[in-house]
Amino acid sequence: MNTPYNAWYGHLKNFAHSPWYVAALASWGIALFEYLIQVPANRIGYTQLSLGQLKIMQEVITLVIFVPFAVLYMNQPLKMDYLYAGLCLMGAVYFIFRT
């Protein structure tokens, strides 16, 4: 599973017994791939969307990907807090895209 979450949190599971610098190098390698996609996407998106809209969209995508990652890959319990966070983000989407 090569997602940004492997760069951010996957090392907690995959490199738990490795020195921190091994986990950091692996995470930076994954993050580099992410940024190679994110930077051009933001440049393209900024031609049609405002900066605030891009940021809220990023947060929605992050939560949509993070919840299955946390539950399925990191074996974390599915919590109602994820639903509440999603509802808050739906409100943010409404307000940022209503104009």
PDB file of N, CA and C in Angstrom:
ATOM      1  N   MET A   1       0.851  -1.175   0.000  1.00  0.00           N
ATOM      2  CA  MET A   1       0.000   0.000   0.000  1.00  0.00           C
ATOM      3  C   MET A   1       0.891   1.231   0.000  1.00  0.00           C
ATOM      4  N   ASN A   2       1.090   1.813  -1.150  1.00  0.00           N
ATOM      5  CA  ASN A   2       1.952   2.981  -1.273  1.00  0.00           C
ATOM      6  C   ASN A   2       1.105   4.237  -1.277  1.00  0.00           C
ATOM      7  N   THR A   3       0.715   4.679  -0.118  1.00  0.00           N
ATOM      8  CA  THR A   3      -0.093   5.875   0.035  1.00  0.00           C
ATOM      9  C   THR A   3       0.697   6.879   0.848  1.00  0.00           C
ATOM     10  N   PRO A   4       0.234   8.119   0.877  1.00  0.00           N
ATOM     11  CA  PRO A   4       0.895   9.095   1.746  1.00  0.00           C
ATOM     12  C   PRO A   4       0.897   8.644   3.197  1.00  0.00           C
ATOM     13  N   TYR A   5      -0.087   7.836   3.579  1.00  0.00           N
ATOM     14  CA  TYR A   5      -0.152   7.401   4.967  1.00  0.00           C
ATOM     15  C   TYR A   5       0.968   6.449   5.323  1.00  0.00           C
ATOM     16  N   ASN A   6       1.473   5.716   4.344  1.00  0.00           N
ATOM     17  CA  ASN A   6       2.659   4.915   4.631  1.00  0.00           C
ATOM     18  C   ASN A   6       3.827   5.818   4.968  1.00  0.00           C
ATOM     19  N   ALA A   7       3.927   6.949   4.293  1.00  0.00           N
ATOM     20  CA  ALA A   7       5.001   7.893   4.594  1.00  0.00           C
ATOM     21  C   ALA A   7       4.800   8.513   5.966  1.00  0.00           C
ATOM     22  N   TRP A   8       3.564   8.834   6.320  1.00  0.00           N
ATOM     23  CA  TRP A   8       3.295   9.525   7.574  1.00  0.00           C
ATOM     24  C   TRP A   8       3.172   8.594   8.759  1.00  0.00           C
ATOM     25  N   TYR A   9       2.488   7.460   8.572  1.00  0.00           N
ATOM     26  CA  TYR A   9       2.182   6.599   9.711  1.00  0.00           C
ATOM     27  C   TYR A   9       2.595   5.142   9.532  1.00  0.00           C
ATOM     28  N   GLY A  10       2.799   4.704   8.307  1.00  0.00           N
ATOM     29  CA  GLY A  10       3.133   3.305   8.053  1.00  0.00           C
ATOM     30  C   GLY A  10       4.407   2.859   8.750  1.00  0.00           C
ATOM     31  N   HIS A  11       5.331   3.787   8.929  1.00  0.00           N
ATOM     32  CA  HIS A  11       6.584   3.435   9.615  1.00  0.00           C
ATOM     33  C   HIS A  11       6.335   3.000  11.051  1.00  0.00           C
ATOM     34  N   LEU A  12       5.228   3.440  11.641  1.00  0.00           N
ATOM     35  CA  LEU A  12       4.917   3.017  13.014  1.00  0.00           C
ATOM     36  C   LEU A  12       4.705   1.518  13.088  1.00  0.00           C
ATOM     37  N   LYS A  13       4.230   0.934  11.990  1.00  0.00           N
ATOM     38  CA  LYS A  13       3.996  -0.499  11.933  1.00  0.00           C
ATOM     39  C   LYS A  13       5.154  -1.220  11.245  1.00  0.00           C
ATOM     40  N   ASN A  14       5.588  -0.708  10.099  1.00  0.00           N
ATOM     41  CA  ASN A  14       6.570  -1.406   9.267  1.00  0.00           C
ATOM     42  C   ASN A  14       8.007  -1.269   9.754  1.00  0.00           C
ATOM     43  N   PHE A  15       8.322  -0.162  10.403  1.00  0.00           N
ATOM     44  CA  PHE A  15       9.698   0.069  10.855  1.00  0.00           C
ATOM     45  C   PHE A  15       9.766   0.263  12.369  1.00  0.00           C
ATOM     46  N   ALA A  16       8.888  -0.378  13.080  1.00  0.00           N
ATOM     47  CA  ALA A  16       8.813  -0.189  14.532  1.00  0.00           C
ATOM     48  C   ALA A  16      10.111  -0.559  15.241  1.00  0.00           C
ATOM     49  N   HIS A  17      10.845  -1.514  14.678  1.00  0.00           N
ATOM     50  CA  HIS A  17      12.072  -1.966  15.342  1.00  0.00           C
ATOM     51  C   HIS A  17      13.321  -1.485  14.621  1.00  0.00           C
ATOM     52  N   SER A  18      13.159  -0.584  13.678  1.00  0.00           N
ATOM     53  CA  SER A  18      14.302  -0.017  12.952  1.00  0.00           C
ATOM     54  C   SER A  18      14.676   1.315  13.575  1.00  0.00           C
ATOM     55  N   PRO A  19      15.924   1.733  13.364  1.00  0.00           N
ATOM     56  CA  PRO A  19      16.297   3.073  13.839  1.00  0.00           C
ATOM     57  C   PRO A  19      15.418   4.130  13.170  1.00  0.00           C
ATOM     58  N   TRP A  20      15.242   5.262  13.843  1.00  0.00           N
ATOM     59  CA  TRP A  20      14.353   6.302  13.326  1.00  0.00           C
ATOM     60  C   TRP A  20      14.795   6.799  11.964  1.00  0.00           C
ATOM     61  N   TYR A  21      16.111   6.854  11.710  1.00  0.00           N
ATOM     62  CA  TYR A  21      16.578   7.394  10.433  1.00  0.00           C
ATOM     63  C   TYR A  21      16.252   6.468   9.268  1.00  0.00           C
ATOM     64  N   VAL A  22      16.135   5.180   9.492  1.00  0.00           N
ATOM     65  CA  VAL A  22      15.700   4.252   8.433  1.00  0.00           C
ATOM     66  C   VAL A  22      14.236   4.537   8.092  1.00  0.00           C
ATOM     67  N   ALA A  23      13.420   4.703   9.122  1.00  0.00           N
ATOM     68  CA  ALA A  23      12.011   5.034   8.902  1.00  0.00           C
ATOM     69  C   ALA A  23      11.881   6.391   8.214  1.00  0.00           C
ATOM     70  N   ALA A  24      12.719   7.350   8.617  1.00  0.00           N
ATOM     71  CA  ALA A  24      12.663   8.681   8.003  1.00  0.00           C
ATOM     72  C   ALA A  24      13.019   8.623   6.520  1.00  0.00           C
ATOM     73  N   LEU A  25      14.066   7.898   6.169  1.00  0.00           N
ATOM     74  CA  LEU A  25      14.455   7.791   4.756  1.00  0.00           C
ATOM     75  C   LEU A  25      13.377   7.106   3.923  1.00  0.00           C
ATOM     76  N   ALA A  26      12.791   6.045   4.450  1.00  0.00           N
ATOM     77  CA  ALA A  26      11.705   5.367   3.737  1.00  0.00           C
ATOM     78  C   ALA A  26      10.504   6.301   3.593  1.00  0.00           C
ATOM     79  N   SER A  27      10.165   7.005   4.647  1.00  0.00           N
ATOM     80  CA  SER A  27       9.031   7.932   4.596  1.00  0.00           C
ATOM     81  C   SER A  27       9.282   9.064   3.615  1.00  0.00           C
ATOM     82  N   TRP A  28      10.498   9.604   3.601  1.00  0.00           N
ATOM     83  CA  TRP A  28      10.821  10.689   2.668  1.00  0.00           C
ATOM     84  C   TRP A  28      10.740  10.221   1.221  1.00  0.00           C
ATOM     85  N   GLY A  29      11.128   8.980   0.984  1.00  0.00           N
ATOM     86  CA  GLY A  29      11.029   8.440  -0.374  1.00  0.00           C
ATOM     87  C   GLY A  29       9.586   8.353  -0.849  1.00  0.00           C
ATOM     88  N   ILE A  30       8.708   7.912   0.032  1.00  0.00           N
ATOM     89  CA  ILE A  30       7.285   7.839  -0.309  1.00  0.00           C
ATOM     90  C   ILE A  30       6.706   9.249  -0.450  1.00  0.00           C
ATOM     91  N   ALA A  31       7.073  10.147   0.455  1.00  0.00           N
ATOM     92  CA  ALA A  31       6.560  11.518   0.413  1.00  0.00           C
ATOM     93  C   ALA A  31       7.006  12.232  -0.862  1.00  0.00           C
ATOM     94  N   LEU A  32       8.218  11.952  -1.336  1.00  0.00           N
ATOM     95  CA  LEU A  32       8.687  12.564  -2.581  1.00  0.00           C
ATOM     96  C   LEU A  32       7.755  12.193  -3.729  1.00  0.00           C
ATOM     97  N   PHE A  33       7.373  10.929  -3.810  1.00  0.00           N
ATOM     98  CA  PHE A  33       6.446  10.491  -4.846  1.00  0.00           C
ATOM     99  C   PHE A  33       5.119  11.243  -4.728  1.00  0.00           C
ATOM    100  N   GLU A  34       4.635  11.393  -3.506  1.00  0.00           N
ATOM    101  CA  GLU A  34       3.384  12.112  -3.282  1.00  0.00           C
ATOM    102  C   GLU A  34       3.484  13.553  -3.774  1.00  0.00           C
ATOM    103  N   TYR A  35       4.560  14.232  -3.430  1.00  0.00           N
ATOM    104  CA  TYR A  35       4.712  15.631  -3.819  1.00  0.00           C
ATOM    105  C   TYR A  35       4.908  15.800  -5.322  1.00  0.00           C
ATOM    106  N   LEU A  36       5.492  14.805  -5.965  1.00  0.00           N
ATOM    107  CA  LEU A  36       5.627  14.870  -7.423  1.00  0.00           C
ATOM    108  C   LEU A  36       4.259  14.864  -8.103  1.00  0.00           C
ATOM    109  N   ILE A  37       3.253  14.342  -7.437  1.00  0.00           N
ATOM    110  CA  ILE A  37       1.883  14.365  -7.961  1.00  0.00           C
ATOM    111  C   ILE A  37       1.123  15.580  -7.434  1.00  0.00           C
ATOM    112  N   GLN A  38       1.302  15.893  -6.168  1.00  0.00           N
ATOM    113  CA  GLN A  38       0.521  16.952  -5.531  1.00  0.00           C
ATOM    114  C   GLN A  38       0.828  18.339  -6.082  1.00  0.00           C
ATOM    115  N   VAL A  39       2.082  18.652  -6.307  1.00  0.00           N
ATOM    116  CA  VAL A  39       2.446  19.993  -6.757  1.00  0.00           C
ATOM    117  C   VAL A  39       1.833  20.316  -8.126  1.00  0.00           C
ATOM    118  N   PRO A  40       1.991  19.445  -9.137  1.00  0.00           N
ATOM    119  CA  PRO A  40       1.324  19.755 -10.414  1.00  0.00           C
ATOM    120  C   PRO A  40      -0.197  19.794 -10.292  1.00  0.00           C
ATOM    121  N   ALA A  41      -0.767  18.914  -9.467  1.00  0.00           N
ATOM    122  CA  ALA A  41      -2.226  18.912  -9.290  1.00  0.00           C
ATOM    123  C   ALA A  41      -2.702  20.227  -8.691  1.00  0.00           C
ATOM    124  N   ASN A  42      -1.985  20.754  -7.716  1.00  0.00           N
ATOM    125  CA  ASN A  42      -2.356  22.041  -7.127  1.00  0.00           C
ATOM    126  C   ASN A  42      -2.219  23.171  -8.136  1.00  0.00           C
ATOM    127  N   ARG A  43      -1.189  23.132  -8.954  1.00  0.00           N
ATOM    128  CA  ARG A  43      -1.024  24.178  -9.973  1.00  0.00           C
ATOM    129  C   ARG A  43      -2.165  24.153 -10.974  1.00  0.00           C
ATOM    130  N   ILE A  44      -2.571  22.965 -11.384  1.00  0.00           N
ATOM    131  CA  ILE A  44      -3.697  22.837 -12.312  1.00  0.00           C
ATOM    132  C   ILE A  44      -4.997  23.248 -11.619  1.00  0.00           C
ATOM    133  N   GLY A  45      -5.209  22.754 -10.406  1.00  0.00           N
ATOM    134  CA  GLY A  45      -6.430  23.063  -9.669  1.00  0.00           C
ATOM    135  C   GLY A  45      -6.587  24.538  -9.375  1.00  0.00           C
ATOM    136  N   TYR A  46      -5.478  25.233  -9.156  1.00  0.00           N
ATOM    137  CA  TYR A  46      -5.526  26.658  -8.810  1.00  0.00           C
ATOM    138  C   TYR A  46      -5.997  27.512  -9.978  1.00  0.00           C
ATOM    139  N   THR A  47      -6.011  26.958 -11.182  1.00  0.00           N
ATOM    140  CA  THR A  47      -6.546  27.715 -12.318  1.00  0.00           C
ATOM    141  C   THR A  47      -8.067  27.787 -12.268  1.00  0.00           C
ATOM    142  N   GLN A  48      -8.717  26.879 -11.536  1.00  0.00           N
ATOM    143  CA  GLN A  48     -10.179  26.838 -11.464  1.00  0.00           C
ATOM    144  C   GLN A  48     -10.729  27.047 -10.052  1.00  0.00           C
ATOM    145  N   LEU A  49      -9.947  26.735  -9.040  1.00  0.00           N
ATOM    146  CA  LEU A  49     -10.409  26.781  -7.652  1.00  0.00           C
ATOM    147  C   LEU A  49      -9.597  27.791  -6.855  1.00  0.00           C
ATOM    148  N   SER A  50     -10.182  28.283  -5.765  1.00  0.00           N
ATOM    149  CA  SER A  50      -9.439  29.174  -4.878  1.00  0.00           C
ATOM    150  C   SER A  50      -8.503  28.348  -3.998  1.00  0.00           C
ATOM    151  N   LEU A  51      -7.604  29.033  -3.340  1.00  0.00           N
ATOM    152  CA  LEU A  51      -6.669  28.359  -2.434  1.00  0.00           C
ATOM    153  C   LEU A  51      -7.415  27.650  -1.306  1.00  0.00           C
ATOM    154  N   GLY A  52      -8.427  28.299  -0.750  1.00  0.00           N
ATOM    155  CA  GLY A  52      -9.228  27.684   0.307  1.00  0.00           C
ATOM    156  C   GLY A  52      -9.958  26.436  -0.179  1.00  0.00           C
ATOM    157  N   GLN A  53     -10.491  26.493  -1.392  1.00  0.00           N
ATOM    158  CA  GLN A  53     -11.177  25.330  -1.951  1.00  0.00           C
ATOM    159  C   GLN A  53     -10.214  24.170  -2.156  1.00  0.00           C
ATOM    160  N   LEU A  54      -9.008  24.468  -2.624  1.00  0.00           N
ATOM    161  CA  LEU A  54      -8.009  23.406  -2.784  1.00  0.00           C
ATOM    162  C   LEU A  54      -7.684  22.762  -1.443  1.00  0.00           C
ATOM    163  N   LYS A  55      -7.533  23.577  -0.409  1.00  0.00           N
ATOM    164  CA  LYS A  55      -7.177  23.050   0.909  1.00  0.00           C
ATOM    165  C   LYS A  55      -8.291  22.190   1.486  1.00  0.00           C
ATOM    166  N   ILE A  56      -9.531  22.655   1.407  1.00  0.00           N
ATOM    167  CA  ILE A  56     -10.640  21.862   1.934  1.00  0.00           C
ATOM    168  C   ILE A  56     -10.777  20.561   1.155  1.00  0.00           C
ATOM    169  N   MET A  57     -10.603  20.626  -0.164  1.00  0.00           N
ATOM    170  CA  MET A  57     -10.665  19.409  -0.975  1.00  0.00           C
ATOM    171  C   MET A  57      -9.579  18.429  -0.542  1.00  0.00           C
ATOM    172  N   GLN A  58      -8.383  18.937  -0.262  1.00  0.00           N
ATOM    173  CA  GLN A  58      -7.297  18.082   0.203  1.00  0.00           C
ATOM    174  C   GLN A  58      -7.664  17.403   1.517  1.00  0.00           C
ATOM    175  N   GLU A  59      -8.281  18.144   2.434  1.00  0.00           N
ATOM    176  CA  GLU A  59      -8.642  17.573   3.727  1.00  0.00           C
ATOM    177  C   GLU A  59      -9.726  16.506   3.586  1.00  0.00           C
ATOM    178  N   VAL A  60     -10.678  16.721   2.700  1.00  0.00           N
ATOM    179  CA  VAL A  60     -11.725  15.722   2.471  1.00  0.00           C
ATOM    180  C   VAL A  60     -11.108  14.447   1.911  1.00  0.00           C
ATOM    181  N   ILE A  61     -10.257  14.600   0.904  1.00  0.00           N
ATOM    182  CA  ILE A  61      -9.589  13.432   0.309  1.00  0.00           C
ATOM    183  C   ILE A  61      -8.746  12.724   1.365  1.00  0.00           C
ATOM    184  N   THR A  62      -8.060  13.497   2.189  1.00  0.00           N
ATOM    185  CA  THR A  62      -7.239  12.917   3.250  1.00  0.00           C
ATOM    186  C   THR A  62      -8.073  12.059   4.189  1.00  0.00           C
ATOM    187  N   LEU A  63      -9.216  12.559   4.632  1.00  0.00           N
ATOM    188  CA  LEU A  63     -10.045  11.789   5.557  1.00  0.00           C
ATOM    189  C   LEU A  63     -10.626  10.554   4.879  1.00  0.00           C
ATOM    190  N   VAL A  64     -11.035  10.690   3.623  1.00  0.00           N
ATOM    191  CA  VAL A  64     -11.606   9.549   2.894  1.00  0.00           C
ATOM    192  C   VAL A  64     -10.575   8.421   2.756  1.00  0.00           C
ATOM    193  N   ILE A  65      -9.312   8.780   2.598  1.00  0.00           N
ATOM    194  CA  ILE A  65      -8.262   7.762   2.465  1.00  0.00           C
ATOM    195  C   ILE A  65      -7.770   7.304   3.841  1.00  0.00           C
ATOM    196  N   PHE A  66      -7.703   8.236   4.800  1.00  0.00           N
ATOM    197  CA  PHE A  66      -7.134   7.913   6.103  1.00  0.00           C
ATOM    198  C   PHE A  66      -7.978   6.902   6.879  1.00  0.00           C
ATOM    199  N   VAL A  67      -9.282   7.047   6.869  1.00  0.00           N
ATOM    200  CA  VAL A  67     -10.123   6.167   7.686  1.00  0.00           C
ATOM    201  C   VAL A  67      -9.944   4.701   7.291  1.00  0.00           C
ATOM    202  N   PRO A  68     -10.057   4.334   5.995  1.00  0.00           N
ATOM    203  CA  PRO A  68      -9.794   2.924   5.661  1.00  0.00           C
ATOM    204  C   PRO A  68      -8.358   2.495   5.983  1.00  0.00           C
ATOM    205  N   PHE A  69      -7.392   3.390   5.776  1.00  0.00           N
ATOM    206  CA  PHE A  69      -6.008   3.064   6.114  1.00  0.00           C
ATOM    207  C   PHE A  69      -5.876   2.758   7.602  1.00  0.00           C
ATOM    208  N   ALA A  70      -6.421   3.626   8.444  1.00  0.00           N
ATOM    209  CA  ALA A  70      -6.306   3.441   9.892  1.00  0.00           C
ATOM    210  C   ALA A  70      -6.992   2.154  10.342  1.00  0.00           C
ATOM    211  N   VAL A  71      -8.165   1.890   9.782  1.00  0.00           N
ATOM    212  CA  VAL A  71      -8.940   0.730  10.223  1.00  0.00           C
ATOM    213  C   VAL A  71      -8.384  -0.567   9.639  1.00  0.00           C
ATOM    214  N   LEU A  72      -8.146  -0.593   8.335  1.00  0.00           N
ATOM    215  CA  LEU A  72      -7.762  -1.841   7.669  1.00  0.00           C
ATOM    216  C   LEU A  72      -6.272  -2.158   7.762  1.00  0.00           C
ATOM    217  N   TYR A  73      -5.423  -1.151   7.619  1.00  0.00           N
ATOM    218  CA  TYR A  73      -3.985  -1.411   7.588  1.00  0.00           C
ATOM    219  C   TYR A  73      -3.338  -1.298   8.968  1.00  0.00           C
ATOM    220  N   MET A  74      -3.744  -0.283   9.719  1.00  0.00           N
ATOM    221  CA  MET A  74      -3.131  -0.062  11.032  1.00  0.00           C
ATOM    222  C   MET A  74      -3.932  -0.723  12.160  1.00  0.00           C
ATOM    223  N   ASN A  75      -5.049  -1.404  11.811  1.00  0.00           N
ATOM    224  CA  ASN A  75      -5.863  -2.142  12.775  1.00  0.00           C
ATOM    225  C   ASN A  75      -6.377  -1.274  13.924  1.00  0.00           C
ATOM    226  N   GLN A  76      -6.749  -0.044  13.610  1.00  0.00           N
ATOM    227  CA  GLN A  76      -7.331   0.847  14.609  1.00  0.00           C
ATOM    228  C   GLN A  76      -8.842   0.653  14.619  1.00  0.00           C
ATOM    229  N   PRO A  77      -9.487   0.851  15.739  1.00  0.00           N
ATOM    230  CA  PRO A  77     -10.951   0.684  15.783  1.00  0.00           C
ATOM    231  C   PRO A  77     -11.646   1.798  14.997  1.00  0.00           C
ATOM    232  N   LEU A  78     -12.738   1.445  14.336  1.00  0.00           N
ATOM    233  CA  LEU A  78     -13.562   2.432  13.644  1.00  0.00           C
ATOM    234  C   LEU A  78     -14.327   3.207  14.708  1.00  0.00           C
ATOM    235  N   LYS A  79     -14.142   4.510  14.736  1.00  0.00           N
ATOM    236  CA  LYS A  79     -14.719   5.329  15.796  1.00  0.00           C
ATOM    237  C   LYS A  79     -15.728   6.311  15.226  1.00  0.00           C
ATOM    238  N   MET A  80     -16.677   6.672  16.035  1.00  0.00           N
ATOM    239  CA  MET A  80     -17.661   7.675  15.638  1.00  0.00           C
ATOM    240  C   MET A  80     -16.999   9.024  15.370  1.00  0.00           C
ATOM    241  N   ASP A  81     -15.838   9.249  15.951  1.00  0.00           N
ATOM    242  CA  ASP A  81     -15.132  10.509  15.733  1.00  0.00           C
ATOM    243  C   ASP A  81     -14.839  10.718  14.248  1.00  0.00           C
ATOM    244  N   TYR A  82     -14.602   9.640  13.504  1.00  0.00           N
ATOM    245  CA  TYR A  82     -14.367   9.773  12.066  1.00  0.00           C
ATOM    246  C   TYR A  82     -15.616  10.308  11.372  1.00  0.00           C
ATOM    247  N   LEU A  83     -16.779   9.835  11.785  1.00  0.00           N
ATOM    248  CA  LEU A  83     -18.028  10.339  11.227  1.00  0.00           C
ATOM    249  C   LEU A  83     -18.215  11.807  11.575  1.00  0.00           C
ATOM    250  N   TYR A  84     -17.955  12.170  12.813  1.00  0.00           N
ATOM    251  CA  TYR A  84     -18.097  13.565  13.231  1.00  0.00           C
ATOM    252  C   TYR A  84     -17.130  14.462  12.464  1.00  0.00           C
ATOM    253  N   ALA A  85     -15.904  14.005  12.274  1.00  0.00           N
ATOM    254  CA  ALA A  85     -14.934  14.777  11.499  1.00  0.00           C
ATOM    255  C   ALA A  85     -15.417  14.938  10.062  1.00  0.00           C
ATOM    256  N   GLY A  86     -15.977  13.865   9.503  1.00  0.00           N
ATOM    257  CA  GLY A  86     -16.514  13.935   8.143  1.00  0.00           C
ATOM    258  C   GLY A  86     -17.659  14.930   8.038  1.00  0.00           C
ATOM    259  N   LEU A  87     -18.527  14.956   9.046  1.00  0.00           N
ATOM    260  CA  LEU A  87     -19.632  15.912   9.044  1.00  0.00           C
ATOM    261  C   LEU A  87     -19.121  17.351   9.138  1.00  0.00           C
ATOM    262  N   CYS A  88     -18.097  17.562   9.949  1.00  0.00           N
ATOM    263  CA  CYS A  88     -17.497  18.900  10.035  1.00  0.00           C
ATOM    264  C   CYS A  88     -16.903  19.301   8.687  1.00  0.00           C
ATOM    265  N   LEU A  89     -16.243  18.369   8.029  1.00  0.00           N
ATOM    266  CA  LEU A  89     -15.679  18.674   6.720  1.00  0.00           C
ATOM    267  C   LEU A  89     -16.764  18.936   5.682  1.00  0.00           C
ATOM    268  N   MET A  90     -17.896  18.248   5.793  1.00  0.00           N
ATOM    269  CA  MET A  90     -19.004  18.534   4.873  1.00  0.00           C
ATOM    270  C   MET A  90     -19.478  19.975   5.058  1.00  0.00           C
ATOM    271  N   GLY A  91     -19.507  20.436   6.290  1.00  0.00           N
ATOM    272  CA  GLY A  91     -19.842  21.834   6.546  1.00  0.00           C
ATOM    273  C   GLY A  91     -18.804  22.767   5.944  1.00  0.00           C
ATOM    274  N   ALA A  92     -17.539  22.417   6.092  1.00  0.00           N
ATOM    275  CA  ALA A  92     -16.469  23.232   5.512  1.00  0.00           C
ATOM    276  C   ALA A  92     -16.587  23.276   3.991  1.00  0.00           C
ATOM    277  N   VAL A  93     -16.902  22.129   3.378  1.00  0.00           N
ATOM    278  CA  VAL A  93     -17.083  22.084   1.926  1.00  0.00           C
ATOM    279  C   VAL A  93     -18.232  23.008   1.523  1.00  0.00           C
ATOM    280  N   TYR A  94     -19.322  22.934   2.245  1.00  0.00           N
ATOM    281  CA  TYR A  94     -20.457  23.792   1.924  1.00  0.00           C
ATOM    282  C   TYR A  94     -20.062  25.260   1.957  1.00  0.00           C
ATOM    283  N   PHE A  95     -19.415  25.674   3.033  1.00  0.00           N
ATOM    284  CA  PHE A  95     -19.102  27.106   3.180  1.00  0.00           C
ATOM    285  C   PHE A  95     -18.038  27.572   2.197  1.00  0.00           C
ATOM    286  N   ILE A  96     -17.046  26.751   1.912  1.00  0.00           N
ATOM    287  CA  ILE A  96     -15.963  27.203   1.034  1.00  0.00           C
ATOM    288  C   ILE A  96     -16.379  27.196  -0.435  1.00  0.00           C
ATOM    289  N   PHE A  97     -17.333  26.325  -0.806  1.00  0.00           N
ATOM    290  CA  PHE A  97     -17.744  26.248  -2.204  1.00  0.00           C
ATOM    291  C   PHE A  97     -19.059  26.985  -2.502  1.00  0.00           C
ATOM    292  N   ARG A  98     -19.690  27.606  -1.534  1.00  0.00           N
ATOM    293  CA  ARG A  98     -20.990  28.234  -1.771  1.00  0.00           C
ATOM    294  C   ARG A  98     -20.903  29.538  -2.556  1.00  0.00           C
ATOM    295  N   THR A  99     -19.754  30.147  -2.647  1.00  0.00           N
ATOM    296  CA  THR A  99     -19.638  31.418  -3.379  1.00  0.00           C
ATOM    297  C   THR A  99     -19.181  31.198  -4.805  1.00  0.00           C
TER     298      THR A  99
END
